Amino acid sequence: MAQPPPDVREDDCLPEYHHLFCPDLLQDKVAFITGGGSGIGFRIAEIFMRHGCYTVIASRSLPRVSMAARKLAAATGQRCLPLSLDVRSPLAITAAVEQALKEFGKIDILINCAAGNFLCPAGTLSSNAFKTVMDIDTLGTFNVSRILYEKFFRDHGGVIVNITATLGTRGQVLQVHAGSAKAAVDAMTRHLAVEWGPQNIRVNSLAPGLISGTEGFQRLGGLQAGLNAKVLASPLKRLGNKTEIAHSALFLASPLASYMTGAVLVVDGGSWLTFPNDVGLLADLTSFSAKL
């Protein structure tokens, strides 16, 4: 069985990196990555930069992305522009995209990685909590995609990779909000692929499974007793890591996937086929309410 590539759990760059793809695969490309200051988005930025790409990493916390940008530039020798934005605010997105275009002159790749999630039974989930996740994941993905289309992609082409999940495919307890949001993004991926394909814009989704070293795993995996047993029951019998997801994003964003659009690439070790629902968690969390 193939061993996973090296990774580190923290939001730090890899101490060493061995190229599995051509080192200049994204030479002189520019990638705009929401949620790029931590977790999967941070590692995607790093791997892209190690393949010749310049990056723009954006999140609500300017200190977080500024620190991340310094780490990324030091480790890769590539330029990284940190920007603050809220994907729910079209005005903030427009300002960030315009600043990125002023800095680099173009944007070739968009990675929609900003997301919000938590565990909560549907029966105690407030309307506002549900709306918050939909606004960040679904509306945020549309906002950034549409504005980048208007500002650059419509006339120059480009690649969009939406980071989603398999939650909506199988129906997962405690995840009606996130599953609904990500399923909507997968539908959006197909719609945009059809509408924007004639402008030489490819749009695909990437659906990771349980990924170690991420805030999402700490939040969502920590409450699930017996999680290790469930992971070991999956086809590849292990968690994924951030480098593996970054390599998958690299594939989708590169010329290697030049004839792929409107697809959902599932990267979860086959877990979506076998991972059991734990309805016992519903009883454990009956008193929990999300009232954002």
Protein backbone atom coordinates (compact mmCIF):
# COMPACT_ATOMS: atom_id res chain seq x y z
CA MET A 1 0.00 0.00 0.00
CA ALA A 2 1.32 3.45 -0.92
CA GLN A 3 2.51 5.53 2.01
CA PRO A 4 1.14 9.07 2.41
CA PRO A 5 3.51 11.96 1.67
CA PRO A 6 5.05 13.72 4.70
CA ASP A 7 3.01 16.37 6.48
CA VAL A 8 3.07 18.43 9.67
CA ARG A 9 0.04 18.91 11.87
CA GLU A 10 0.59 22.58 12.61
CA ASP A 11 0.10 25.47 10.18
CA ASP A 12 3.76 25.38 9.28
CA CYS A 13 5.55 24.60 6.05
CA LEU A 14 6.99 21.17 5.38
CA PRO A 15 10.61 20.85 6.57
CA GLU A 16 11.43 19.17 3.24
CA TYR A 17 9.52 18.42 0.09
CA HIS A 18 10.02 15.88 -2.69
CA HIS A 19 8.23 16.73 -5.92
CA LEU A 20 5.84 14.10 -7.21
CA PHE A 21 4.79 16.45 -10.02
CA CYS A 22 7.00 18.50 -12.34
CA PRO A 23 8.49 21.32 -10.21
CA ASP A 24 7.44 24.00 -12.72
CA LEU A 25 3.89 22.69 -13.17
CA LEU A 26 2.38 26.06 -12.16
CA GLN A 27 5.32 28.25 -13.13
CA ASP A 28 4.37 31.97 -13.03
CA LYS A 29 0.69 31.21 -12.39
CA VAL A 30 -1.21 33.18 -9.74
CA ALA A 31 -3.63 31.47 -7.34
CA PHE A 32 -6.22 33.23 -5.16
CA ILE A 33 -6.96 31.04 -2.14
CA THR A 34 -9.72 31.81 0.37
CA GLY A 35 -9.16 30.26 3.78
CA GLY A 36 -5.47 30.19 2.87
CA GLY A 37 -4.14 31.15 6.28
CA SER A 38 -4.54 27.74 7.92
CA GLY A 39 -5.28 24.07 7.46
CA ILE A 40 -5.88 22.69 4.00
CA GLY A 41 -5.81 26.13 2.39
CA PHE A 42 -2.36 26.84 3.84
CA ARG A 43 -0.94 23.56 2.55
CA ILE A 44 -2.49 24.11 -0.89
CA ALA A 45 -0.77 27.49 -1.02
CA GLU A 46 2.55 25.93 -0.04
CA ILE A 47 2.39 23.10 -2.57
CA PHE A 48 1.33 25.48 -5.35
CA MET A 49 4.24 27.78 -4.49
CA ARG A 50 6.66 24.85 -4.50
CA HIS A 51 5.53 24.29 -8.10
CA GLY A 52 6.28 27.83 -9.25
CA CYS A 53 3.00 29.57 -8.41
CA TYR A 54 2.49 32.97 -6.79
CA THR A 55 -0.34 33.05 -4.30
CA VAL A 56 -2.87 35.36 -2.70
CA ILE A 57 -4.14 33.98 0.61
CA ALA A 58 -7.25 35.56 2.08
CA SER A 59 -9.26 35.20 5.28
CA ARG A 60 -11.06 37.39 7.80
CA SER A 61 -7.99 37.54 10.07
CA LEU A 62 -5.25 39.70 8.55
CA PRO A 63 -2.73 38.79 11.30
CA ARG A 64 -3.26 35.09 10.58
CA VAL A 65 -2.76 35.36 6.82
CA SER A 66 0.13 37.80 7.25
CA MET A 67 1.98 35.32 9.45
CA ALA A 68 1.13 32.50 7.03
CA ALA A 69 2.40 34.52 4.07
CA ARG A 70 5.75 35.11 5.78
CA LYS A 71 6.14 31.39 6.43
CA LEU A 72 5.19 30.47 2.88
CA ALA A 73 7.50 32.97 1.23
CA ALA A 74 10.42 31.97 3.44
CA ALA A 75 9.97 28.25 2.73
CA THR A 76 9.38 28.50 -1.03
CA GLY A 77 11.04 31.70 -2.24
CA GLN A 78 7.80 32.67 -4.00
CA ARG A 79 5.66 35.79 -3.51
CA CYS A 80 2.58 35.49 -1.32
CA LEU A 81 0.13 38.35 -0.80
CA PRO A 82 -1.98 38.21 2.39
CA LEU A 83 -5.38 39.90 2.24
CA SER A 84 -8.28 40.30 4.66
CA LEU A 85 -11.81 39.64 3.42
CA ASP A 86 -15.10 38.12 4.42
CA VAL A 87 -16.48 35.90 1.66
CA ARG A 88 -19.99 37.07 2.63
CA SER A 89 -19.13 40.66 1.64
CA PRO A 90 -19.02 41.36 -2.12
CA LEU A 91 -17.46 44.77 -1.51
CA ALA A 92 -14.59 43.28 0.49
CA ILE A 93 -14.05 40.57 -2.13
CA THR A 94 -14.01 43.12 -4.95
CA ALA A 95 -11.41 45.22 -3.14
CA ALA A 96 -9.23 42.15 -2.50
CA VAL A 97 -9.44 40.91 -6.08
CA GLU A 98 -8.58 44.37 -7.41
CA GLN A 99 -5.61 44.56 -5.06
CA ALA A 100 -4.41 41.13 -6.18
CA LEU A 101 -4.72 42.10 -9.84
CA LYS A 102 -2.80 45.30 -9.17
CA GLU A 103 -0.03 43.28 -7.49
CA PHE A 104 0.26 40.42 -9.99
CA GLY A 105 -1.53 41.59 -13.13
CA LYS A 106 -3.59 38.41 -13.38
CA ILE A 107 -5.23 35.56 -11.46
CA ASP A 108 -5.16 32.11 -13.06
CA ILE A 109 -6.57 29.91 -10.32
CA LEU A 110 -9.24 30.31 -7.63
CA ILE A 111 -9.38 27.92 -4.69
CA ASN A 112 -12.59 28.36 -2.66
CA CYS A 113 -11.52 26.93 0.70
CA ALA A 114 -13.20 29.24 3.23
CA ALA A 115 -15.73 27.29 5.33
CA GLY A 116 -17.47 27.07 8.67
CA ASN A 117 -18.71 24.00 10.53
CA PHE A 118 -19.60 22.48 13.91
CA LEU A 119 -21.53 19.48 15.21
CA CYS A 120 -25.23 19.98 16.00
CA PRO A 121 -28.43 17.91 15.81
CA ALA A 122 -30.86 19.24 13.21
CA GLY A 123 -33.62 19.46 15.82
CA THR A 124 -31.71 21.98 17.92
CA LEU A 125 -29.98 23.87 15.10
CA SER A 126 -31.12 27.48 14.97
CA SER A 127 -32.10 29.07 11.67
CA ASN A 128 -29.32 31.61 12.09
CA ALA A 129 -26.70 28.91 12.68
CA PHE A 130 -27.83 27.08 9.53
CA LYS A 131 -27.80 30.34 7.57
CA THR A 132 -24.32 31.24 8.79
CA VAL A 133 -22.81 28.06 7.35
CA MET A 134 -24.77 28.44 4.12
CA ASP A 135 -23.60 32.06 3.83
CA ILE A 136 -19.92 31.21 4.33
CA ASP A 137 -19.72 27.96 2.36
CA THR A 138 -22.27 28.36 -0.41
CA LEU A 139 -22.90 32.08 -0.85
CA GLY A 140 -19.22 32.79 -0.16
CA THR A 141 -18.13 30.40 -2.91
CA PHE A 142 -20.53 32.03 -5.35
CA ASN A 143 -19.52 35.56 -4.35
CA VAL A 144 -15.81 35.02 -4.89
CA SER A 145 -16.33 33.02 -8.10
CA ARG A 146 -18.69 35.58 -9.64
CA ILE A 147 -16.51 38.57 -8.78
CA LEU A 148 -13.37 36.92 -10.11
CA TYR A 149 -15.31 35.96 -13.24
CA GLU A 150 -16.38 39.56 -13.71
CA LYS A 151 -12.95 41.05 -12.95
CA PHE A 152 -10.73 38.63 -14.88
CA PHE A 153 -11.85 35.11 -15.78
CA ARG A 154 -14.57 36.12 -18.27
CA ASP A 155 -12.00 37.65 -20.62
CA HIS A 156 -8.95 35.53 -19.83
CA GLY A 157 -10.15 32.08 -18.73
CA GLY A 158 -9.17 30.39 -15.50
CA VAL A 159 -9.56 27.46 -13.14
CA ILE A 160 -11.81 27.18 -10.09
CA VAL A 161 -11.50 24.44 -7.47
CA ASN A 162 -14.20 24.35 -4.81
CA ILE A 163 -13.29 22.50 -1.61
CA THR A 164 -16.41 20.58 -0.55
CA ALA A 165 -17.15 17.29 1.29
CA THR A 166 -19.03 14.00 0.94
CA LEU A 167 -21.45 14.82 3.79
CA GLY A 168 -24.39 15.53 1.50
CA THR A 169 -23.79 12.39 -0.56
CA ARG A 170 -24.47 9.98 2.26
CA GLY A 171 -26.41 11.95 4.87
CA GLN A 172 -24.39 12.45 8.05
CA VAL A 173 -25.77 12.92 11.58
CA LEU A 174 -25.09 16.33 13.15
CA GLN A 175 -24.12 17.82 9.79
CA VAL A 176 -27.32 18.92 8.04
CA HIS A 177 -26.00 22.50 7.78
CA ALA A 178 -22.55 21.67 6.36
CA GLY A 179 -23.84 18.80 4.21
CA SER A 180 -26.50 21.00 2.67
CA ALA A 181 -24.00 23.82 2.05
CA LYS A 182 -21.39 21.59 0.43
CA ALA A 183 -23.97 19.72 -1.68
CA ALA A 184 -25.13 23.11 -2.97
CA VAL A 185 -21.54 24.00 -3.86
CA ASP A 186 -21.17 20.74 -5.81
CA ALA A 187 -24.33 21.64 -7.74
CA MET A 188 -22.92 25.13 -8.30
CA THR A 189 -19.74 23.54 -9.66
CA ARG A 190 -21.75 21.76 -12.35
CA HIS A 191 -23.80 24.82 -13.26
CA LEU A 192 -20.76 27.10 -13.54
CA ALA A 193 -18.81 24.49 -15.49
CA VAL A 194 -21.58 24.47 -18.11
CA GLU A 195 -22.09 28.24 -18.24
CA TRP A 196 -18.46 29.31 -18.09
CA GLY A 197 -16.82 26.54 -20.10
CA PRO A 198 -17.11 28.53 -23.35
CA GLN A 199 -14.95 31.24 -21.71
CA ASN A 200 -12.22 28.61 -21.11
CA ILE A 201 -13.02 28.38 -17.40
CA ARG A 202 -12.81 24.97 -15.76
CA VAL A 203 -14.75 24.44 -12.50
CA ASN A 204 -14.34 21.33 -10.33
CA SER A 205 -14.99 20.30 -6.73
CA LEU A 206 -12.54 18.55 -4.43
CA ALA A 207 -14.13 16.62 -1.56
CA PRO A 208 -11.68 15.67 1.21
CA GLY A 209 -12.40 13.15 3.93
CA LEU A 210 -11.12 13.21 7.49
CA ILE A 211 -7.83 15.08 7.29
CA SER A 212 -5.38 15.15 10.18
CA GLY A 213 -3.89 18.39 11.42
CA THR A 214 -6.89 20.54 10.56
CA GLU A 215 -9.18 22.63 12.75
CA GLY A 216 -12.12 20.81 11.20
CA PHE A 217 -10.85 17.42 12.33
CA GLN A 218 -10.18 18.72 15.84
CA ARG A 219 -13.70 20.14 16.06
CA LEU A 220 -15.61 17.35 14.37
CA GLY A 221 -13.55 14.30 15.21
CA GLY A 222 -12.92 15.07 18.86
CA LEU A 223 -16.48 14.33 19.99
CA GLN A 224 -16.77 11.00 18.22
CA ALA A 225 -15.90 8.10 20.50
CA GLY A 226 -14.39 5.17 18.66
CA LEU A 227 -13.31 7.31 15.72
CA ASN A 228 -10.06 5.38 15.31
CA ALA A 229 -11.96 2.12 14.92
CA LYS A 230 -14.15 3.68 12.23
CA VAL A 231 -11.12 5.05 10.39
CA LEU A 232 -9.42 1.64 10.50
CA ALA A 233 -12.57 0.12 9.02
CA SER A 234 -12.30 2.34 5.92
CA PRO A 235 -10.70 0.90 2.76
CA LEU A 236 -7.29 2.57 3.23
CA LYS A 237 -7.45 2.23 7.04
CA ARG A 238 -6.04 5.65 7.89
CA LEU A 239 -6.67 9.37 7.95
CA GLY A 240 -5.62 11.56 5.07
CA ASN A 241 -3.22 14.45 5.44
CA LYS A 242 -3.13 18.01 4.14
CA THR A 243 -0.35 17.33 1.63
CA GLU A 244 -2.48 14.68 -0.06
CA ILE A 245 -5.35 17.12 -0.45
CA ALA A 246 -2.96 19.80 -1.74
CA HIS A 247 -1.62 17.38 -4.36
CA SER A 248 -5.19 16.69 -5.49
CA ALA A 249 -5.87 20.43 -5.75
CA LEU A 250 -2.62 20.82 -7.68
CA PHE A 251 -3.79 18.19 -10.17
CA LEU A 252 -7.19 19.87 -10.69
CA ALA A 253 -5.65 23.33 -11.04
CA SER A 254 -2.94 22.28 -13.48
CA PRO A 255 -2.86 21.38 -17.18
CA LEU A 256 -2.92 17.72 -16.08
CA ALA A 257 -6.69 18.15 -15.67
CA SER A 258 -7.17 20.24 -18.81
CA TYR A 259 -10.22 18.20 -19.96
CA MET A 260 -11.89 17.97 -16.52
CA THR A 261 -14.75 20.27 -15.62
CA GLY A 262 -17.97 19.90 -13.65
CA ALA A 263 -16.53 16.96 -11.69
CA VAL A 264 -16.31 16.14 -8.00
CA LEU A 265 -13.01 14.51 -7.06
CA VAL A 266 -13.45 12.58 -3.80
CA VAL A 267 -10.21 12.23 -1.83
CA ASP A 268 -11.10 10.38 1.36
CA GLY A 269 -9.51 6.93 1.15
CA GLY A 270 -12.89 5.41 0.29
CA SER A 271 -14.38 6.41 3.65
CA TRP A 272 -17.59 7.76 2.14
CA LEU A 273 -18.36 4.20 1.03
CA THR A 274 -17.93 2.59 4.44
CA PHE A 275 -17.88 5.17 7.26
CA PRO A 276 -20.82 4.40 9.60
CA ASN A 277 -23.24 6.96 10.98
CA ASP A 278 -23.27 7.02 14.77
CA VAL A 279 -26.87 7.73 15.72
CA GLY A 280 -25.86 7.41 19.37
CA LEU A 281 -24.31 10.84 19.05
CA LEU A 282 -27.81 12.28 18.68
CA ALA A 283 -28.67 11.17 22.20
CA ASP A 284 -25.38 12.51 23.51
CA LEU A 285 -26.04 15.97 22.07
CA THR A 286 -29.81 16.36 22.55
CA SER A 287 -29.29 19.26 24.94
CA PHE A 288 -26.84 21.02 22.63
CA SER A 289 -28.14 23.95 20.62
CA ALA A 290 -26.41 26.10 18.05
CA LYS A 291 -27.80 29.63 18.26
CA LEU A 292 -25.29 31.67 16.34
